[in-house]
């Protein structure tokens, strides 16, 4: 009702332009997998009852249909290995169309969540569940269990930073427990896990330590999706800039940021997407894997702007 435009991550891209007459032009890019497009106003369901007063008038709608950008026709001689760290709930929806092309290893240290994953994928040999936490050492660490389970972390919440936000009660620590932690490269040397193609990390502030635990196996990685922060929400955590610097020597570069607006109006938390540069891809198989990763993550095509600018300033 406030007129605020909120991007909840459903669209591939969203642009809003304010016109001179006070109206808005909203341009959104969606991927339709059933050949249909639906638009309008609603509240948490397919039907919106309204408040009894006019709130929005749609003056006109234009729909432009692009060619099918699905990559199901791309043949892969081997499956994409996806390592999902902090995997409660299972495979992300965005990967569902490519499930038959994946071999997944889920890491979930909370026994109940790990057991749920095992039941969910009991009949799928390409879905492996590990009930340990990943870190940069082999041993045990304290897990802080917060009021909101998704805020639990191997790092203690930094309440002096969080307390000013409405979301602060989610980070209250209700309990702690001692959990086993392992380096990924240790598990790999024991032949318990495969080399990673794609890594997804959601461990609430401990992302850097998880990446350190992969060691030089990151050289084999094609893409990484992780949740990270611009401000220290957990005690001693590394921030987004530290992760960017850490991944660069492995040929992994930041491609996209998706903000989480959980901290009132401050940009504190984001999903960050990294991939190998195509110039560093050495096999046709990895190039095809990169194509699928880019498609699933909505990374789009390379812009020609930089090349054109560089060409215009090239010495003759």
Protein backbone atom coordinates (compact mmCIF):
# COMPACT_ATOMS: atom_id res chain seq x y z
CA UNK A 1 0.00 0.00 0.00
CA UNK A 2 2.99 2.32 0.46
CA UNK A 3 3.85 2.23 -3.24
CA UNK A 4 7.25 0.70 -2.51
CA UNK A 5 8.54 -1.71 -5.13
CA UNK A 6 10.01 -4.87 -3.59
CA UNK A 7 12.14 -7.35 -5.51
CA UNK A 8 11.66 -10.72 -3.82
CA UNK A 9 14.05 -12.49 -6.17
CA UNK A 10 11.40 -14.07 -8.40
CA UNK A 11 12.36 -12.09 -11.49
CA UNK A 12 15.63 -12.44 -13.37
CA UNK A 13 15.85 -8.65 -13.59
CA UNK A 14 13.73 -5.73 -12.39
CA UNK A 15 13.87 -2.04 -13.36
CA UNK A 16 11.55 0.77 -12.23
CA UNK A 17 11.26 4.18 -13.89
CA UNK A 18 9.30 7.12 -12.43
CA UNK A 19 7.49 9.10 -15.12
CA UNK A 20 6.72 12.85 -15.15
CA UNK A 21 3.02 12.26 -14.42
CA UNK A 22 3.88 10.30 -11.26
CA UNK A 23 3.19 6.91 -12.81
CA UNK A 24 5.69 4.07 -12.82
CA UNK A 25 7.03 1.95 -15.63
CA UNK A 26 8.10 -1.45 -14.34
CA UNK A 27 10.18 -3.74 -16.55
CA UNK A 28 10.65 -7.30 -15.32
CA UNK A 29 12.31 -10.32 -16.90
CA UNK A 30 10.89 -13.72 -15.96
CA UNK A 31 11.67 -17.25 -16.98
CA UNK A 32 8.44 -19.14 -17.66
CA UNK A 33 8.74 -22.90 -17.55
CA UNK A 34 5.11 -23.69 -18.35
CA UNK A 35 4.51 -21.30 -21.25
CA UNK A 36 2.27 -18.96 -19.20
CA UNK A 37 2.66 -15.50 -17.70
CA UNK A 38 0.63 -14.24 -14.72
CA UNK A 39 0.65 -10.70 -13.34
CA UNK A 40 -1.49 -8.53 -11.09
CA UNK A 41 -1.80 -7.88 -7.36
CA UNK A 42 -2.02 -10.48 -4.65
CA UNK A 43 -1.08 -11.13 -1.04
CA UNK A 44 0.74 -14.40 -0.28
CA UNK A 45 -1.58 -16.41 -2.54
CA UNK A 46 -3.08 -16.42 -5.98
CA UNK A 47 -6.04 -14.31 -4.87
CA UNK A 48 -5.86 -10.78 -3.44
CA UNK A 49 -9.03 -9.53 -1.77
CA UNK A 50 -7.89 -5.92 -1.48
CA UNK A 51 -8.77 -3.26 1.10
CA UNK A 52 -11.87 -1.84 -0.55
CA UNK A 53 -10.14 1.25 -1.92
CA UNK A 54 -8.25 1.80 -5.21
CA UNK A 55 -4.53 1.20 -4.81
CA UNK A 56 -3.09 0.49 -8.22
CA UNK A 57 -4.18 1.00 -11.81
CA UNK A 58 -2.40 -0.92 -14.57
CA UNK A 59 -2.59 1.32 -17.64
CA UNK A 60 -0.99 -1.04 -20.12
CA UNK A 61 0.98 -4.26 -20.35
CA UNK A 62 3.52 -5.26 -22.98
CA UNK A 63 4.96 -8.76 -23.11
CA UNK A 64 8.04 -9.57 -25.16
CA UNK A 65 8.83 -13.26 -25.59
CA UNK A 66 12.46 -14.27 -25.95
CA UNK A 67 13.58 -17.53 -27.50
CA UNK A 68 13.89 -20.54 -25.23
CA UNK A 69 17.16 -20.23 -23.33
CA UNK A 70 16.92 -23.67 -21.73
CA UNK A 71 20.10 -25.71 -21.85
CA UNK A 72 18.50 -29.14 -21.62
CA UNK A 73 19.84 -29.84 -25.11
CA UNK A 74 23.44 -29.47 -23.87
CA UNK A 75 24.91 -32.95 -23.45
CA UNK A 76 27.23 -33.66 -20.53
CA UNK A 77 29.46 -36.77 -20.43
CA UNK A 78 29.54 -36.50 -16.62
CA UNK A 79 27.34 -34.99 -13.92
CA UNK A 80 27.90 -31.63 -12.26
CA UNK A 81 29.12 -32.15 -8.69
CA UNK A 82 27.32 -29.73 -6.36
CA UNK A 83 28.56 -29.40 -2.77
CA UNK A 84 25.80 -27.87 -0.62
CA UNK A 85 27.04 -26.69 2.79
CA UNK A 86 24.30 -25.72 5.21
CA UNK A 87 21.79 -27.79 3.29
CA UNK A 88 18.67 -27.92 5.49
CA UNK A 89 15.69 -28.26 3.15
CA UNK A 90 17.63 -29.94 0.37
CA UNK A 91 18.25 -28.96 -3.23
CA UNK A 92 17.51 -25.33 -4.13
CA UNK A 93 14.50 -24.83 -6.42
CA UNK A 94 16.62 -23.13 -9.07
CA UNK A 95 18.47 -26.42 -9.66
CA UNK A 96 15.32 -28.54 -9.91
CA UNK A 97 15.22 -28.55 -13.72
CA UNK A 98 18.75 -29.94 -13.80
CA UNK A 99 18.45 -32.46 -10.97
CA UNK A 100 19.13 -35.38 -13.32
CA UNK A 101 22.49 -33.78 -14.24
CA UNK A 102 23.68 -33.36 -10.66
CA UNK A 103 25.59 -35.36 -8.12
CA UNK A 104 25.01 -33.58 -4.80
CA UNK A 105 26.75 -33.81 -1.45
CA UNK A 106 24.77 -32.15 1.36
CA UNK A 107 26.52 -31.09 4.57
CA UNK A 108 24.20 -30.59 7.52
CA UNK A 109 25.51 -30.89 11.15
CA UNK A 110 22.11 -30.73 12.86
CA UNK A 111 21.03 -34.36 13.31
CA UNK A 112 17.33 -33.79 12.71
CA UNK A 113 17.91 -31.83 9.49
CA UNK A 114 20.44 -34.41 8.26
CA UNK A 115 17.98 -37.24 9.00
CA UNK A 116 15.25 -35.37 7.08
CA UNK A 117 17.58 -35.09 4.09
CA UNK A 118 18.40 -38.80 4.20
CA UNK A 119 14.71 -39.69 4.20
CA UNK A 120 14.01 -37.24 1.40
CA UNK A 121 16.71 -38.66 -0.87
CA UNK A 122 16.72 -42.27 0.33
CA UNK A 123 16.11 -43.60 -3.18
CA UNK A 124 18.47 -41.27 -5.04
CA UNK A 125 22.04 -42.50 -5.29
CA UNK A 126 23.20 -39.09 -6.57
CA UNK A 127 22.19 -37.38 -3.31
CA UNK A 128 24.75 -37.90 -0.51
CA UNK A 129 24.29 -36.55 3.05
CA UNK A 130 27.15 -35.81 5.47
CA UNK A 131 26.20 -34.95 9.06
CA UNK A 132 29.32 -32.92 9.87
CA UNK A 133 30.11 -29.23 9.65
CA UNK A 134 32.83 -27.98 7.32
CA UNK A 135 35.53 -25.63 8.53
CA UNK A 136 39.29 -25.01 8.19
CA UNK A 137 40.28 -27.67 10.74
CA UNK A 138 39.58 -31.27 11.71
CA UNK A 139 38.16 -31.60 15.20
CA UNK A 140 35.22 -30.19 17.13
CA UNK A 141 33.73 -26.72 17.53
CA UNK A 142 30.88 -25.10 19.38
CA UNK A 143 27.69 -24.56 17.35
CA UNK A 144 25.54 -21.62 18.50
CA UNK A 145 21.87 -22.57 18.14
CA UNK A 146 19.79 -19.43 17.73
CA UNK A 147 16.08 -18.76 18.17
CA UNK A 148 15.72 -18.71 14.38
CA UNK A 149 17.42 -21.96 13.25
CA UNK A 150 18.68 -20.38 10.02
CA UNK A 151 20.81 -17.94 12.05
CA UNK A 152 22.71 -20.71 13.89
CA UNK A 153 26.47 -20.58 13.33
CA UNK A 154 29.89 -21.82 14.39
CA UNK A 155 30.49 -18.15 15.24
CA UNK A 156 28.83 -16.30 18.10
CA UNK A 157 26.33 -13.60 17.02
CA UNK A 158 27.68 -10.11 17.59
CA UNK A 159 24.76 -8.60 19.48
CA UNK A 160 26.18 -5.07 19.71
CA UNK A 161 25.93 -4.92 15.91
CA UNK A 162 22.62 -6.76 15.57
CA UNK A 163 20.65 -5.16 18.41
CA UNK A 164 19.75 -2.03 16.44
CA UNK A 165 17.82 -4.09 13.86
CA UNK A 166 14.28 -5.45 14.11
CA UNK A 167 15.59 -8.89 13.15
CA UNK A 168 17.75 -9.03 16.30
CA UNK A 169 15.61 -11.60 18.25
CA UNK A 170 16.33 -14.18 15.53
CA UNK A 171 19.99 -14.18 16.63
CA UNK A 172 19.35 -14.83 20.34
CA UNK A 173 21.32 -17.94 21.35
CA UNK A 174 19.03 -20.56 22.93
CA UNK A 175 21.62 -23.31 23.25
CA UNK A 176 25.06 -24.50 22.18
CA UNK A 177 26.34 -27.93 21.20
CA UNK A 178 29.67 -29.45 20.30
CA UNK A 179 29.79 -30.66 16.70
CA UNK A 180 32.34 -32.46 14.56
CA UNK A 181 34.02 -30.26 11.95
CA UNK A 182 36.15 -31.38 9.02
CA UNK A 183 38.17 -29.83 6.25
CA UNK A 184 36.73 -30.74 2.87
CA UNK A 185 40.15 -31.65 1.48
CA UNK A 186 40.63 -34.11 4.36
CA UNK A 187 37.40 -35.87 3.42
CA UNK A 188 38.48 -35.84 -0.24
CA UNK A 189 41.85 -37.43 0.53
CA UNK A 190 39.96 -40.20 2.35
CA UNK A 191 37.86 -40.64 -0.82
CA UNK A 192 34.64 -39.81 1.05
CA UNK A 193 33.68 -36.90 -1.21
CA UNK A 194 34.28 -35.91 -4.88
CA UNK A 195 36.04 -32.96 -6.44
CA UNK A 196 33.70 -29.93 -6.47
CA UNK A 197 32.30 -28.32 -9.60
CA UNK A 198 29.88 -26.02 -7.78
CA UNK A 199 29.90 -25.03 -4.10
CA UNK A 200 26.94 -23.48 -2.30
CA UNK A 201 27.63 -22.16 1.24
CA UNK A 202 25.08 -20.91 3.78
CA UNK A 203 26.81 -21.08 7.15
CA UNK A 204 26.07 -17.68 8.70
CA UNK A 205 29.41 -15.91 8.85
CA UNK A 206 31.78 -18.90 8.67
CA UNK A 207 32.06 -18.95 4.86
CA UNK A 208 35.74 -17.98 4.79
CA UNK A 209 36.75 -20.86 7.08
CA UNK A 210 34.77 -23.31 4.92
CA UNK A 211 36.56 -22.09 1.79
CA UNK A 212 39.95 -22.44 3.52
CA UNK A 213 39.04 -26.06 4.24
CA UNK A 214 38.83 -26.84 0.52
CA UNK A 215 42.49 -25.91 0.10
CA UNK A 216 43.77 -26.25 -3.46
CA UNK A 217 40.66 -28.22 -4.47
CA UNK A 218 39.20 -24.78 -5.27
CA UNK A 219 41.31 -24.88 -8.41
CA UNK A 220 38.88 -27.49 -9.77
CA UNK A 221 35.81 -25.45 -8.85
CA UNK A 222 33.83 -23.69 -11.58
CA UNK A 223 31.29 -21.74 -9.52
CA UNK A 224 30.55 -20.71 -5.92
CA UNK A 225 27.35 -19.31 -4.42
CA UNK A 226 27.53 -18.11 -0.83
CA UNK A 227 25.81 -15.86 1.64
CA UNK A 228 28.11 -13.17 3.01
CA UNK A 229 28.04 -9.85 4.85
CA UNK A 230 29.41 -6.34 4.46
CA UNK A 231 29.32 -5.77 8.24
CA UNK A 232 30.41 -8.04 11.09
CA UNK A 233 27.25 -9.80 12.29
CA UNK A 234 29.13 -12.70 13.91
CA UNK A 235 32.19 -12.32 16.12
CA UNK A 236 35.44 -12.57 14.16
CA UNK A 237 33.81 -13.28 10.81
CA UNK A 238 35.45 -12.41 7.50
CA UNK A 239 33.49 -10.07 5.24
CA UNK A 240 32.58 -10.04 1.55
CA UNK A 241 35.75 -8.16 0.56
CA UNK A 242 37.91 -10.80 2.28
CA UNK A 243 36.18 -13.57 0.35
CA UNK A 244 36.60 -11.76 -2.98
CA UNK A 245 40.34 -11.43 -2.30
CA UNK A 246 40.66 -15.06 -1.18
CA UNK A 247 39.00 -16.52 -4.28
CA UNK A 248 40.84 -14.42 -6.88
CA UNK A 249 44.07 -16.53 -6.89
CA UNK A 250 41.91 -19.58 -7.68
CA UNK A 251 40.54 -17.86 -10.79
CA UNK A 252 37.10 -17.32 -9.24
CA UNK A 253 35.66 -13.85 -9.75
CA UNK A 254 32.56 -12.11 -8.43
CA UNK A 255 29.76 -12.09 -11.02
CA UNK A 256 26.61 -11.10 -9.17
CA UNK A 257 25.21 -9.88 -5.84
CA UNK A 258 21.65 -10.46 -4.62
CA UNK A 259 20.75 -8.38 -1.51
CA UNK A 260 18.84 -9.75 1.47
CA UNK A 261 16.89 -6.88 2.99
CA UNK A 262 16.67 -8.42 6.47
CA UNK A 263 18.44 -5.57 8.24
CA UNK A 264 15.89 -2.77 7.89
CA UNK A 265 17.20 -0.38 5.22
CA UNK A 266 20.88 -1.30 5.51
CA UNK A 267 22.62 -3.48 2.93
CA UNK A 268 24.25 -5.96 5.29
CA UNK A 269 23.68 -9.41 3.81
CA UNK A 270 23.93 -10.65 0.21
CA UNK A 271 24.16 -13.78 -1.87
CA UNK A 272 27.37 -13.59 -3.89
CA UNK A 273 28.03 -15.59 -7.07
CA UNK A 274 31.53 -16.39 -8.32
CA UNK A 275 32.60 -18.28 -11.43
CA UNK A 276 35.77 -19.17 -13.25
CA UNK A 277 36.47 -16.81 -16.12
CA UNK A 278 35.76 -18.56 -19.41
CA UNK A 279 39.34 -17.86 -20.50
CA UNK A 280 40.51 -20.09 -17.62
CA UNK A 281 38.28 -23.01 -18.57
CA UNK A 282 40.47 -25.66 -20.21
CA UNK A 283 38.04 -28.43 -21.23
CA UNK A 284 34.85 -28.57 -23.28
CA UNK A 285 33.11 -30.43 -20.47
CA UNK A 286 33.83 -27.66 -17.97
CA UNK A 287 32.73 -25.06 -20.52
CA UNK A 288 29.35 -26.79 -20.83
CA UNK A 289 29.07 -27.02 -17.06
CA UNK A 290 29.78 -23.28 -16.82
CA UNK A 291 27.00 -22.59 -19.34
CA UNK A 292 24.49 -24.44 -17.16
CA UNK A 293 25.74 -22.78 -13.96
CA UNK A 294 25.43 -19.33 -15.55
CA UNK A 295 21.92 -20.13 -16.73
CA UNK A 296 20.73 -21.43 -13.34
CA UNK A 297 22.19 -18.40 -11.58
CA UNK A 298 20.87 -15.92 -14.16
CA UNK A 299 24.27 -14.40 -14.86
CA UNK A 300 23.46 -13.30 -18.40
CA UNK A 301 25.73 -12.66 -21.35
CA UNK A 302 29.00 -10.75 -21.38
CA UNK A 303 28.59 -7.03 -22.00
CA UNK A 304 30.52 -5.64 -25.02
CA UNK A 305 30.91 -2.21 -23.36
CA UNK A 306 34.37 -2.79 -21.90
CA UNK A 307 35.78 -4.12 -25.17
CA UNK A 308 34.37 -1.19 -27.10
CA UNK A 309 35.80 1.35 -24.65
CA UNK A 310 39.17 -0.37 -24.68
CA UNK A 311 39.24 -0.43 -28.45
CA UNK A 312 38.47 3.27 -28.66
CA UNK A 313 41.50 4.11 -26.48
CA UNK A 314 43.93 1.67 -28.08
CA UNK A 315 47.07 3.34 -29.32
CA UNK A 316 47.52 3.24 -33.06
